[in-house]
Amino acid sequence: MQLNQALDAEELAQLTLRWGVMPLRQAALTVDAPFLTGENQMLTSRGRRAEICYIMHRGDPADGLLLHIKTFYPEGAFRLPTGGIQTGELVEDTLTREIYEETGLVVGDGPTQANVERLLGVLAYDLYHKQLGPVEFATYHYLVRMPEGAELQPQDEDESIGGWQWVKPSELSSVADILDAVHQRAPIWGDWGRFRALSHRFVGETL
């Protein structure tokens, strides 16, 4: 498979050494403004080349996975939490930072820390934007165990966390269906929803 520019071969090799061989899939999608250009939809702004997605559970993924919604999302548009990888930032540094900013949990191996269990896989996107042209992006999906008894306490107000929801892995396809259909309630979020749905289907098939 030829890697798109959102992926770095050396970085992927290092992650494979640490976590083992993982699924690496590609998806193509045609999109348009305001996705990637409008307020709250500028996924690739500030040099972001990719993002992390943390799939958090409370001891057994089969019992429930954490979704969140932001205050400015369309009603009911819960999704798996993600965070943009900034220019010069390592993938797993982003993971640690985003988990803390959004949940207040510190990543580590201790009993009171969020434990990163494995890298589930990477989904690379070849987006064709009708105004911007070709855009390449990727999502690194990590399975994370929440410490027993911990509470979710967002630390960064700019994350605009509006609520949490727990769903079983088998329900991720339904979450993807809701995101795919978000244009019916909020047309300007249509391409964002279609894009976000891809990651949920990927995780549902990979877990």
Protein backbone atom coordinates (compact mmCIF):
# COMPACT_ATOMS: atom_id res chain seq x y z
CA MET A 1 0.00 0.00 0.00
CA GLN A 2 1.35 3.42 -0.94
CA LEU A 3 1.24 5.72 2.08
CA ASN A 4 -0.42 9.09 1.75
CA GLN A 5 1.43 12.17 2.97
CA ALA A 6 -0.38 12.18 6.31
CA LEU A 7 1.59 9.08 7.28
CA ASP A 8 5.30 8.87 7.95
CA ALA A 9 6.90 5.51 7.15
CA GLU A 10 9.51 5.78 9.93
CA GLU A 11 6.89 6.74 12.48
CA LEU A 12 4.68 3.83 11.46
CA ALA A 13 7.64 1.46 11.70
CA GLN A 14 8.38 2.60 15.26
CA LEU A 15 4.74 2.20 16.27
CA THR A 16 4.67 -1.27 14.74
CA LEU A 17 7.75 -2.27 16.75
CA ARG A 18 6.00 -1.16 19.92
CA TRP A 19 2.46 -2.43 19.28
CA GLY A 20 2.82 -5.09 16.59
CA VAL A 21 1.31 -5.26 13.14
CA MET A 22 -1.96 -3.33 12.98
CA PRO A 23 -4.67 -2.74 10.38
CA LEU A 24 -3.87 0.14 8.04
CA ARG A 25 -6.76 1.10 5.81
CA GLN A 26 -7.48 3.87 3.35
CA ALA A 27 -10.73 5.63 2.58
CA ALA A 28 -11.65 8.13 -0.13
CA LEU A 29 -14.29 10.82 0.29
CA THR A 30 -15.39 13.86 -1.73
CA VAL A 31 -16.20 16.83 0.51
CA ASP A 32 -16.95 20.54 0.28
CA ALA A 33 -17.16 23.70 2.41
CA PRO A 34 -17.76 24.33 5.25
CA PHE A 35 -15.95 21.07 6.08
CA LEU A 36 -12.22 21.86 6.48
CA THR A 37 -12.89 25.58 5.93
CA GLY A 38 -15.64 26.69 8.32
CA GLU A 39 -15.80 27.41 12.03
CA ASN A 40 -15.39 24.27 14.16
CA GLN A 41 -14.74 22.15 11.06
CA MET A 42 -11.16 23.19 10.24
CA LEU A 43 -9.72 19.73 10.80
CA THR A 44 -6.40 20.40 9.06
CA SER A 45 -5.80 23.95 10.34
CA ARG A 46 -2.59 24.92 12.17
CA GLY A 47 -0.58 22.30 10.30
CA ARG A 48 -2.47 19.27 11.60
CA ARG A 49 -1.47 16.27 9.49
CA ALA A 50 -3.37 13.65 11.45
CA GLU A 51 -5.21 12.97 14.70
CA ILE A 52 -5.47 10.45 17.51
CA CYS A 53 -8.71 8.77 18.55
CA TYR A 54 -8.94 7.21 22.00
CA ILE A 55 -11.37 4.36 22.51
CA MET A 56 -11.80 4.37 26.27
CA HIS A 57 -13.42 1.63 28.35
CA ARG A 58 -13.85 0.91 32.07
CA GLY A 59 -12.28 -2.55 32.24
CA ASP A 60 -13.88 -4.49 29.40
CA PRO A 61 -14.50 -2.90 25.99
CA ALA A 62 -17.54 -5.13 25.54
CA ASP A 63 -19.25 -3.34 28.45
CA GLY A 64 -19.03 0.12 26.93
CA LEU A 65 -16.92 2.63 25.03
CA LEU A 66 -16.79 6.35 25.73
CA LEU A 67 -18.34 8.87 23.34
CA HIS A 68 -18.49 12.63 23.74
CA ILE A 69 -20.35 15.54 22.22
CA LYS A 70 -19.22 19.15 21.95
CA THR A 71 -21.48 22.07 22.75
CA PHE A 72 -21.54 23.27 19.15
CA TYR A 73 -22.26 19.89 17.50
CA PRO A 74 -25.67 19.07 16.07
CA GLU A 75 -28.04 17.50 18.60
CA GLY A 76 -27.30 13.83 19.19
CA ALA A 77 -23.97 13.83 17.30
CA PHE A 78 -22.00 11.87 19.89
CA ARG A 79 -18.70 10.39 18.67
CA LEU A 80 -15.41 8.85 19.75
CA PRO A 81 -13.03 11.54 21.11
CA THR A 82 -10.18 12.68 18.87
CA GLY A 83 -7.40 15.26 18.96
CA GLY A 84 -5.24 16.86 16.29
CA ILE A 85 -1.53 16.03 16.05
CA GLN A 86 0.25 19.37 15.92
CA THR A 87 3.27 20.10 13.75
CA GLY A 88 6.34 18.45 15.30
CA GLU A 89 4.29 16.53 17.88
CA LEU A 90 4.61 12.78 18.29
CA VAL A 91 1.49 10.65 17.93
CA GLU A 92 1.52 9.35 21.49
CA ASP A 93 2.39 12.73 22.98
CA THR A 94 -0.82 13.94 21.37
CA LEU A 95 -2.70 11.00 22.87
CA THR A 96 -1.44 11.83 26.38
CA ARG A 97 -2.20 15.53 26.00
CA GLU A 98 -5.69 15.10 24.58
CA ILE A 99 -6.78 12.54 27.16
CA TYR A 100 -5.74 14.90 29.94
CA GLU A 101 -7.33 17.99 28.37
CA GLU A 102 -10.64 16.28 27.70
CA THR A 103 -10.99 13.91 30.68
CA GLY A 104 -8.50 15.01 33.34
CA LEU A 105 -6.96 11.53 33.33
CA VAL A 106 -3.18 11.09 33.30
CA VAL A 107 -1.79 8.40 31.00
CA GLY A 108 0.51 5.86 32.64
CA ASP A 109 0.83 2.36 34.07
CA GLY A 110 -0.36 3.06 37.61
CA PRO A 111 -3.72 1.96 39.06
CA THR A 112 -5.04 5.53 39.09
CA GLN A 113 -3.88 6.29 35.55
CA ALA A 114 -5.35 5.73 32.10
CA ASN A 115 -3.59 2.72 30.58
CA VAL A 116 -2.96 2.64 26.82
CA GLU A 117 -3.55 -1.01 25.93
CA ARG A 118 -2.91 -1.12 22.21
CA LEU A 119 -2.91 0.67 18.90
CA LEU A 120 -6.00 -0.69 17.17
CA GLY A 121 -5.03 0.59 13.74
CA VAL A 122 -4.74 3.56 11.41
CA LEU A 123 -7.27 4.90 8.96
CA ALA A 124 -5.82 7.10 6.21
CA TYR A 125 -8.09 9.40 4.22
CA ASP A 126 -7.76 10.64 0.67
CA LEU A 127 -10.19 13.55 0.70
CA TYR A 128 -11.07 15.52 -2.40
CA HIS A 129 -12.29 18.96 -1.38
CA LYS A 130 -14.17 20.83 -4.10
CA GLN A 131 -12.43 24.09 -3.15
CA LEU A 132 -9.11 23.01 -1.64
CA GLY A 133 -8.40 20.05 -3.92
CA PRO A 134 -6.76 16.86 -2.59
CA VAL A 135 -6.32 16.70 1.18
CA GLU A 136 -4.66 13.79 3.01
CA PHE A 137 -5.28 12.98 6.65
CA ALA A 138 -5.14 10.04 9.06
CA THR A 139 -6.53 8.82 12.40
CA TYR A 140 -4.51 6.69 14.85
CA HIS A 141 -6.93 4.65 17.01
CA TYR A 142 -5.86 3.65 20.55
CA LEU A 143 -7.64 1.40 23.04
CA VAL A 144 -7.39 2.94 26.53
CA ARG A 145 -8.55 1.59 29.89
CA MET A 146 -9.98 4.12 32.32
CA PRO A 147 -8.85 3.68 35.95
CA GLU A 148 -11.41 2.10 38.25
CA GLY A 149 -13.67 4.64 39.94
CA ALA A 150 -12.29 7.60 38.01
CA GLU A 151 -14.47 10.54 37.04
CA LEU A 152 -14.29 12.48 33.80
CA GLN A 153 -13.21 16.05 34.50
CA PRO A 154 -12.32 18.12 31.39
CA GLN A 155 -9.37 20.44 32.02
CA ASP A 156 -9.52 22.66 28.93
CA GLU A 157 -12.63 24.81 28.51
CA ASP A 158 -11.75 25.29 24.85
CA GLU A 159 -12.53 21.60 24.27
CA SER A 160 -16.22 22.55 24.78
CA ILE A 161 -17.23 19.11 26.06
CA GLY A 162 -21.02 19.05 26.22
CA GLY A 163 -21.60 15.54 27.54
CA TRP A 164 -20.60 11.88 27.58
CA GLN A 165 -22.24 8.66 26.52
CA TRP A 166 -21.28 4.96 26.77
CA VAL A 167 -22.06 2.51 23.96
CA LYS A 168 -21.25 -1.13 23.32
CA PRO A 169 -18.89 -1.94 20.41
CA SER A 170 -21.83 -3.46 18.51
CA GLU A 171 -23.54 -0.06 18.65
CA LEU A 172 -20.74 1.79 16.85
CA SER A 173 -22.37 1.04 13.49
CA SER A 174 -25.53 2.79 14.73
CA VAL A 175 -23.40 5.74 15.89
CA ALA A 176 -21.90 5.86 12.38
CA ASP A 177 -25.39 5.79 10.87
CA ILE A 178 -26.40 8.80 12.98
CA LEU A 179 -23.28 10.70 11.89
CA ASP A 180 -23.88 9.76 8.26
CA ALA A 181 -27.39 11.21 8.52
CA VAL A 182 -26.51 14.37 10.46
CA HIS A 183 -27.08 16.43 7.28
CA GLN A 184 -30.81 15.79 7.70
CA ARG A 185 -30.82 17.91 10.86
CA ALA A 186 -27.89 20.24 10.16
CA PRO A 187 -26.93 20.41 6.46
CA ILE A 188 -23.69 22.33 7.04
CA TRP A 189 -22.39 19.41 9.15
CA GLY A 190 -23.08 16.81 6.48
CA ASP A 191 -19.55 16.17 5.20
CA TRP A 192 -18.18 16.32 8.75
CA GLY A 193 -20.64 13.61 9.75
CA ARG A 194 -19.80 11.42 6.76
CA PHE A 195 -16.12 11.78 7.55
CA ARG A 196 -16.56 10.99 11.25
CA ALA A 197 -18.70 7.93 10.48
CA LEU A 198 -15.75 6.23 8.76
CA SER A 199 -13.69 6.01 11.95
CA HIS A 200 -16.57 4.48 13.93
CA ARG A 201 -17.09 1.77 11.33
CA PHE A 202 -13.34 1.09 11.35
CA VAL A 203 -13.23 0.68 15.13
CA GLY A 204 -16.37 -1.45 15.15
CA GLU A 205 -14.81 -3.82 12.63
CA THR A 206 -11.38 -3.84 14.32
CA LEU A 207 -12.32 -4.45 17.97
